[in-house]
Amino acid sequence: MTRPNVPAGAPERPFSDQPPVEALGRSGRRTLSPEEAAEMAEKVRKVEVVISLVLRIGVIVSVVVIAAGLGLMFARHGAYLPVRGHFSYHRLTSRSTPFPHSFSSLGRSIASGQGRGIIVLGVLILILTPVMRVAVGVLSFVYEKDPPMALVTLYVLAVLVGSFFLAGV
């Protein structure tokens, strides 16, 4: 059987239904065998499933925590329920509001069972969900044996975590 587009004298390899896949290795481009390509595709599929689960679980958990906090807050403070008249978002987010603005006040608020602390915890979980996705990305590139991308993603993770501390969280 003659192989199309193959130079004369090229080494024989078993015929496969799948064409060879180009991949960038450490020494430059190389052709992956169909088995290697299938293994790489399976790894990528597994990583995509894990990343999807991290994002879904993070959003679902944060929504449940926020809903529980809202329910608790409205059950304990009926005055919050009827929102009438002029409503100031500036007043809601100022330091004088009873919502916790630091980790220590958040811990005290949750420990005392205050709904507003539980709401802030839910928002914190929602904010940390994409950060967890980047952390899973680092692990996925290590799993896929792609050190350059693992290092770049690790740098992105360091910038994200550093931005929380620089912002005064």
C-alpha atoms as a PDB file:
ATOM      1  CA  MET A   1       0.000   0.000   0.000  1.00  0.00           C
ATOM      2  CA  THR A   2       1.444   3.376  -0.932  1.00  0.00           C
ATOM      3  CA  ARG A   3       1.117   6.249   1.456  1.00  0.00           C
ATOM      4  CA  PRO A   4       0.115   9.600  -0.020  1.00  0.00           C
ATOM      5  CA  ASN A   5       2.272  12.652   0.695  1.00  0.00           C
ATOM      6  CA  VAL A   6       5.075  10.561   2.178  1.00  0.00           C
ATOM      7  CA  PRO A   7       8.542  10.985   0.715  1.00  0.00           C
ATOM      8  CA  ALA A   8      10.218   7.941  -0.794  1.00  0.00           C
ATOM      9  CA  GLY A   9      12.446   6.181   1.712  1.00  0.00           C
ATOM     10  CA  ALA A  10      10.456   7.332   4.762  1.00  0.00           C
ATOM     11  CA  PRO A  11      10.299   4.671   7.459  1.00  0.00           C
ATOM     12  CA  GLU A  12       7.230   2.461   7.432  1.00  0.00           C
ATOM     13  CA  ARG A  13       4.799   2.659  10.276  1.00  0.00           C
ATOM     14  CA  PRO A  14       1.597   0.730  10.746  1.00  0.00           C
ATOM     15  CA  PHE A  15      -1.428   2.176   8.976  1.00  0.00           C
ATOM     16  CA  SER A  16      -3.849   3.993  11.270  1.00  0.00           C
ATOM     17  CA  ASP A  17      -7.210   5.641  10.723  1.00  0.00           C
ATOM     18  CA  GLN A  18      -6.005   8.677  12.642  1.00  0.00           C
ATOM     19  CA  PRO A  19      -3.454  11.024  11.126  1.00  0.00           C
ATOM     20  CA  PRO A  20      -0.376  11.870  13.189  1.00  0.00           C
ATOM     21  CA  VAL A  21      -0.771  14.857  15.515  1.00  0.00           C
ATOM     22  CA  GLU A  22       1.811  17.608  15.773  1.00  0.00           C
ATOM     23  CA  ALA A  23       2.939  18.504  19.287  1.00  0.00           C
ATOM     24  CA  LEU A  24       5.493  20.943  20.554  1.00  0.00           C
ATOM     25  CA  GLY A  25       8.063  19.157  22.654  1.00  0.00           C
ATOM     26  CA  ARG A  26      11.133  20.461  24.485  1.00  0.00           C
ATOM     27  CA  SER A  27      13.329  20.100  21.428  1.00  0.00           C
ATOM     28  CA  GLY A  28      10.815  21.542  18.962  1.00  0.00           C
ATOM     29  CA  ARG A  29       7.970  20.037  16.960  1.00  0.00           C
ATOM     30  CA  ARG A  30       7.486  16.314  16.913  1.00  0.00           C
ATOM     31  CA  THR A  31       4.762  14.021  15.654  1.00  0.00           C
ATOM     32  CA  LEU A  32       2.687  12.145  18.200  1.00  0.00           C
ATOM     33  CA  SER A  33       1.599   8.639  17.448  1.00  0.00           C
ATOM     34  CA  PRO A  34      -2.139   7.982  17.425  1.00  0.00           C
ATOM     35  CA  GLU A  35      -1.812   6.268  20.808  1.00  0.00           C
ATOM     36  CA  GLU A  36       0.009   9.281  22.305  1.00  0.00           C
ATOM     37  CA  ALA A  37      -2.564  11.634  20.793  1.00  0.00           C
ATOM     38  CA  ALA A  38      -5.412   9.575  22.252  1.00  0.00           C
ATOM     39  CA  GLU A  39      -3.715   9.539  25.669  1.00  0.00           C
ATOM     40  CA  MET A  40      -3.211  13.318  25.543  1.00  0.00           C
ATOM     41  CA  ALA A  41      -6.843  13.859  24.485  1.00  0.00           C
ATOM     42  CA  GLU A  42      -8.006  11.720  27.419  1.00  0.00           C
ATOM     43  CA  LYS A  43      -5.858  13.746  29.846  1.00  0.00           C
ATOM     44  CA  VAL A  44      -7.276  17.005  28.478  1.00  0.00           C
ATOM     45  CA  ARG A  45     -10.835  15.654  28.809  1.00  0.00           C
ATOM     46  CA  LYS A  46     -10.227  14.658  32.454  1.00  0.00           C
ATOM     47  CA  VAL A  47      -8.774  18.092  33.244  1.00  0.00           C
ATOM     48  CA  GLU A  48     -11.748  19.840  31.633  1.00  0.00           C
ATOM     49  CA  VAL A  49     -14.147  17.747  33.731  1.00  0.00           C
ATOM     50  CA  VAL A  50     -12.277  18.602  36.951  1.00  0.00           C
ATOM     51  CA  ILE A  51     -12.184  22.323  36.123  1.00  0.00           C
ATOM     52  CA  SER A  52     -15.903  22.249  35.317  1.00  0.00           C
ATOM     53  CA  LEU A  53     -16.636  20.560  38.648  1.00  0.00           C
ATOM     54  CA  VAL A  54     -14.553  23.108  40.582  1.00  0.00           C
ATOM     55  CA  LEU A  55     -16.444  26.005  39.006  1.00  0.00           C
ATOM     56  CA  ARG A  56     -19.879  24.417  39.407  1.00  0.00           C
ATOM     57  CA  ILE A  57     -19.318  23.343  42.995  1.00  0.00           C
ATOM     58  CA  GLY A  58     -17.915  26.758  43.931  1.00  0.00           C
ATOM     59  CA  VAL A  59     -20.898  28.621  42.507  1.00  0.00           C
ATOM     60  CA  ILE A  60     -23.466  26.202  43.959  1.00  0.00           C
ATOM     61  CA  VAL A  61     -21.881  26.267  47.428  1.00  0.00           C
ATOM     62  CA  SER A  62     -21.680  30.067  47.421  1.00  0.00           C
ATOM     63  CA  VAL A  63     -25.330  30.416  46.352  1.00  0.00           C
ATOM     64  CA  VAL A  64     -26.456  27.994  49.070  1.00  0.00           C
ATOM     65  CA  VAL A  65     -24.381  29.792  51.726  1.00  0.00           C
ATOM     66  CA  ILE A  66     -25.660  33.226  50.640  1.00  0.00           C
ATOM     67  CA  ALA A  67     -29.275  31.980  50.610  1.00  0.00           C
ATOM     68  CA  ALA A  68     -28.859  30.487  54.089  1.00  0.00           C
ATOM     69  CA  GLY A  69     -27.363  33.766  55.324  1.00  0.00           C
ATOM     70  CA  LEU A  70     -30.195  35.777  53.804  1.00  0.00           C
ATOM     71  CA  GLY A  71     -32.788  33.497  55.357  1.00  0.00           C
ATOM     72  CA  LEU A  72     -31.121  33.727  58.759  1.00  0.00           C
ATOM     73  CA  MET A  73     -30.684  37.483  58.493  1.00  0.00           C
ATOM     74  CA  PHE A  74     -34.323  38.113  57.552  1.00  0.00           C
ATOM     75  CA  ALA A  75     -35.538  35.671  60.228  1.00  0.00           C
ATOM     76  CA  ARG A  76     -33.595  37.477  62.966  1.00  0.00           C
ATOM     77  CA  HIS A  77     -33.932  41.045  61.663  1.00  0.00           C
ATOM     78  CA  GLY A  78     -37.386  41.613  60.237  1.00  0.00           C
ATOM     79  CA  ALA A  79     -36.619  45.298  59.807  1.00  0.00           C
ATOM     80  CA  TYR A  80     -34.333  44.443  56.864  1.00  0.00           C
ATOM     81  CA  LEU A  81     -37.153  42.846  54.868  1.00  0.00           C
ATOM     82  CA  PRO A  82     -39.256  45.830  53.780  1.00  0.00           C
ATOM     83  CA  VAL A  83     -36.991  47.940  51.592  1.00  0.00           C
ATOM     84  CA  ARG A  84     -38.825  51.246  51.233  1.00  0.00           C
ATOM     85  CA  GLY A  85     -37.788  54.789  50.580  1.00  0.00           C
ATOM     86  CA  HIS A  86     -34.300  55.925  49.674  1.00  0.00           C
ATOM     87  CA  PHE A  87     -31.706  53.141  49.753  1.00  0.00           C
ATOM     88  CA  SER A  88     -28.034  54.060  49.937  1.00  0.00           C
ATOM     89  CA  TYR A  89     -25.518  51.520  48.682  1.00  0.00           C
ATOM     90  CA  HIS A  90     -22.753  53.769  49.991  1.00  0.00           C
ATOM     91  CA  ARG A  91     -24.127  53.394  53.503  1.00  0.00           C
ATOM     92  CA  LEU A  92     -24.372  49.618  53.056  1.00  0.00           C
ATOM     93  CA  THR A  93     -20.694  49.297  52.068  1.00  0.00           C
ATOM     94  CA  SER A  94     -19.209  51.820  54.479  1.00  0.00           C
ATOM     95  CA  ARG A  95     -17.087  50.788  57.465  1.00  0.00           C
ATOM     96  CA  SER A  96     -19.904  51.777  59.813  1.00  0.00           C
ATOM     97  CA  THR A  97     -22.260  49.093  58.482  1.00  0.00           C
ATOM     98  CA  PRO A  98     -22.667  45.987  60.652  1.00  0.00           C
ATOM     99  CA  PHE A  99     -21.431  43.701  57.828  1.00  0.00           C
ATOM    100  CA  PRO A 100     -17.995  42.244  58.605  1.00  0.00           C
ATOM    101  CA  HIS A 101     -15.105  43.938  56.786  1.00  0.00           C
ATOM    102  CA  SER A 102     -12.170  41.820  58.016  1.00  0.00           C
ATOM    103  CA  PHE A 103     -11.417  38.146  58.553  1.00  0.00           C
ATOM    104  CA  SER A 104     -11.525  38.533  62.332  1.00  0.00           C
ATOM    105  CA  SER A 105     -14.927  40.266  62.286  1.00  0.00           C
ATOM    106  CA  LEU A 106     -16.132  37.669  59.759  1.00  0.00           C
ATOM    107  CA  GLY A 107     -15.115  34.860  62.115  1.00  0.00           C
ATOM    108  CA  ARG A 108     -16.866  36.508  65.065  1.00  0.00           C
ATOM    109  CA  SER A 109     -19.986  37.114  62.980  1.00  0.00           C
ATOM    110  CA  ILE A 110     -20.172  33.501  61.787  1.00  0.00           C
ATOM    111  CA  ALA A 111     -19.447  32.150  65.284  1.00  0.00           C
ATOM    112  CA  SER A 112     -22.339  34.169  66.704  1.00  0.00           C
ATOM    113  CA  GLY A 113     -24.662  32.921  63.931  1.00  0.00           C
ATOM    114  CA  GLN A 114     -25.275  36.287  62.284  1.00  0.00           C
ATOM    115  CA  GLY A 115     -26.776  36.040  58.815  1.00  0.00           C
ATOM    116  CA  ARG A 116     -24.744  38.922  57.433  1.00  0.00           C
ATOM    117  CA  GLY A 117     -21.493  37.120  58.277  1.00  0.00           C
ATOM    118  CA  ILE A 118     -22.733  34.010  56.491  1.00  0.00           C
ATOM    119  CA  ILE A 119     -23.622  36.140  53.455  1.00  0.00           C
ATOM    120  CA  VAL A 120     -20.113  37.604  53.386  1.00  0.00           C
ATOM    121  CA  LEU A 121     -18.701  34.066  53.631  1.00  0.00           C
ATOM    122  CA  GLY A 122     -20.790  33.078  50.588  1.00  0.00           C
ATOM    123  CA  VAL A 123     -19.496  36.066  48.642  1.00  0.00           C
ATOM    124  CA  LEU A 124     -15.932  35.167  49.664  1.00  0.00           C
ATOM    125  CA  ILE A 125     -16.468  31.613  48.394  1.00  0.00           C
ATOM    126  CA  LEU A 126     -17.762  33.032  45.110  1.00  0.00           C
ATOM    127  CA  ILE A 127     -14.703  35.284  44.781  1.00  0.00           C
ATOM    128  CA  LEU A 128     -12.316  32.409  45.545  1.00  0.00           C
ATOM    129  CA  THR A 129     -13.928  30.035  43.007  1.00  0.00           C
ATOM    130  CA  PRO A 130     -11.983  31.371  39.968  1.00  0.00           C
ATOM    131  CA  VAL A 131      -8.810  31.412  42.074  1.00  0.00           C
ATOM    132  CA  MET A 132      -9.362  27.706  42.774  1.00  0.00           C
ATOM    133  CA  ARG A 133      -9.827  27.191  39.034  1.00  0.00           C
ATOM    134  CA  VAL A 134      -6.371  28.690  38.420  1.00  0.00           C
ATOM    135  CA  ALA A 135      -4.894  26.453  41.150  1.00  0.00           C
ATOM    136  CA  VAL A 136      -6.454  23.430  39.444  1.00  0.00           C
ATOM    137  CA  GLY A 137      -4.967  24.744  36.194  1.00  0.00           C
ATOM    138  CA  VAL A 138      -1.483  24.587  37.724  1.00  0.00           C
ATOM    139  CA  LEU A 139      -2.062  20.991  38.777  1.00  0.00           C
ATOM    140  CA  SER A 140      -3.524  20.114  35.388  1.00  0.00           C
ATOM    141  CA  PHE A 141      -0.457  21.363  33.532  1.00  0.00           C
ATOM    142  CA  VAL A 142       1.743  19.369  35.882  1.00  0.00           C
ATOM    143  CA  TYR A 143      -0.466  16.321  35.182  1.00  0.00           C
ATOM    144  CA  GLU A 144      -0.186  16.923  31.437  1.00  0.00           C
ATOM    145  CA  LYS A 145       3.612  17.279  31.811  1.00  0.00           C
ATOM    146  CA  ASP A 146       3.712  20.826  30.469  1.00  0.00           C
ATOM    147  CA  PRO A 147       6.200  22.663  32.754  1.00  0.00           C
ATOM    148  CA  PRO A 148       6.223  26.014  30.901  1.00  0.00           C
ATOM    149  CA  MET A 149       2.443  26.387  31.155  1.00  0.00           C
ATOM    150  CA  ALA A 150       2.494  25.180  34.768  1.00  0.00           C
ATOM    151  CA  LEU A 151       4.991  27.936  35.609  1.00  0.00           C
ATOM    152  CA  VAL A 152       2.984  30.615  33.800  1.00  0.00           C
ATOM    153  CA  THR A 153      -0.214  29.518  35.531  1.00  0.00           C
ATOM    154  CA  LEU A 154       1.585  29.409  38.880  1.00  0.00           C
ATOM    155  CA  TYR A 155       2.677  33.000  38.270  1.00  0.00           C
ATOM    156  CA  VAL A 156      -0.951  33.989  37.543  1.00  0.00           C
ATOM    157  CA  LEU A 157      -2.014  32.281  40.783  1.00  0.00           C
ATOM    158  CA  ALA A 158       0.674  34.159  42.728  1.00  0.00           C
ATOM    159  CA  VAL A 159      -0.526  37.474  41.247  1.00  0.00           C
ATOM    160  CA  LEU A 160      -4.138  36.680  42.183  1.00  0.00           C
ATOM    161  CA  VAL A 161      -3.277  35.710  45.751  1.00  0.00           C
ATOM    162  CA  GLY A 162      -0.897  38.664  46.091  1.00  0.00           C
ATOM    163  CA  SER A 163      -3.597  41.064  44.900  1.00  0.00           C
ATOM    164  CA  PHE A 164      -5.828  39.990  47.790  1.00  0.00           C
ATOM    165  CA  PHE A 165      -3.133  40.840  50.306  1.00  0.00           C
ATOM    166  CA  LEU A 166      -2.154  44.090  48.567  1.00  0.00           C
ATOM    167  CA  ALA A 167      -5.804  45.148  48.542  1.00  0.00           C
ATOM    168  CA  GLY A 168      -5.883  44.866  52.325  1.00  0.00           C
ATOM    169  CA  VAL A 169      -8.226  41.890  52.630  1.00  0.00           C
END
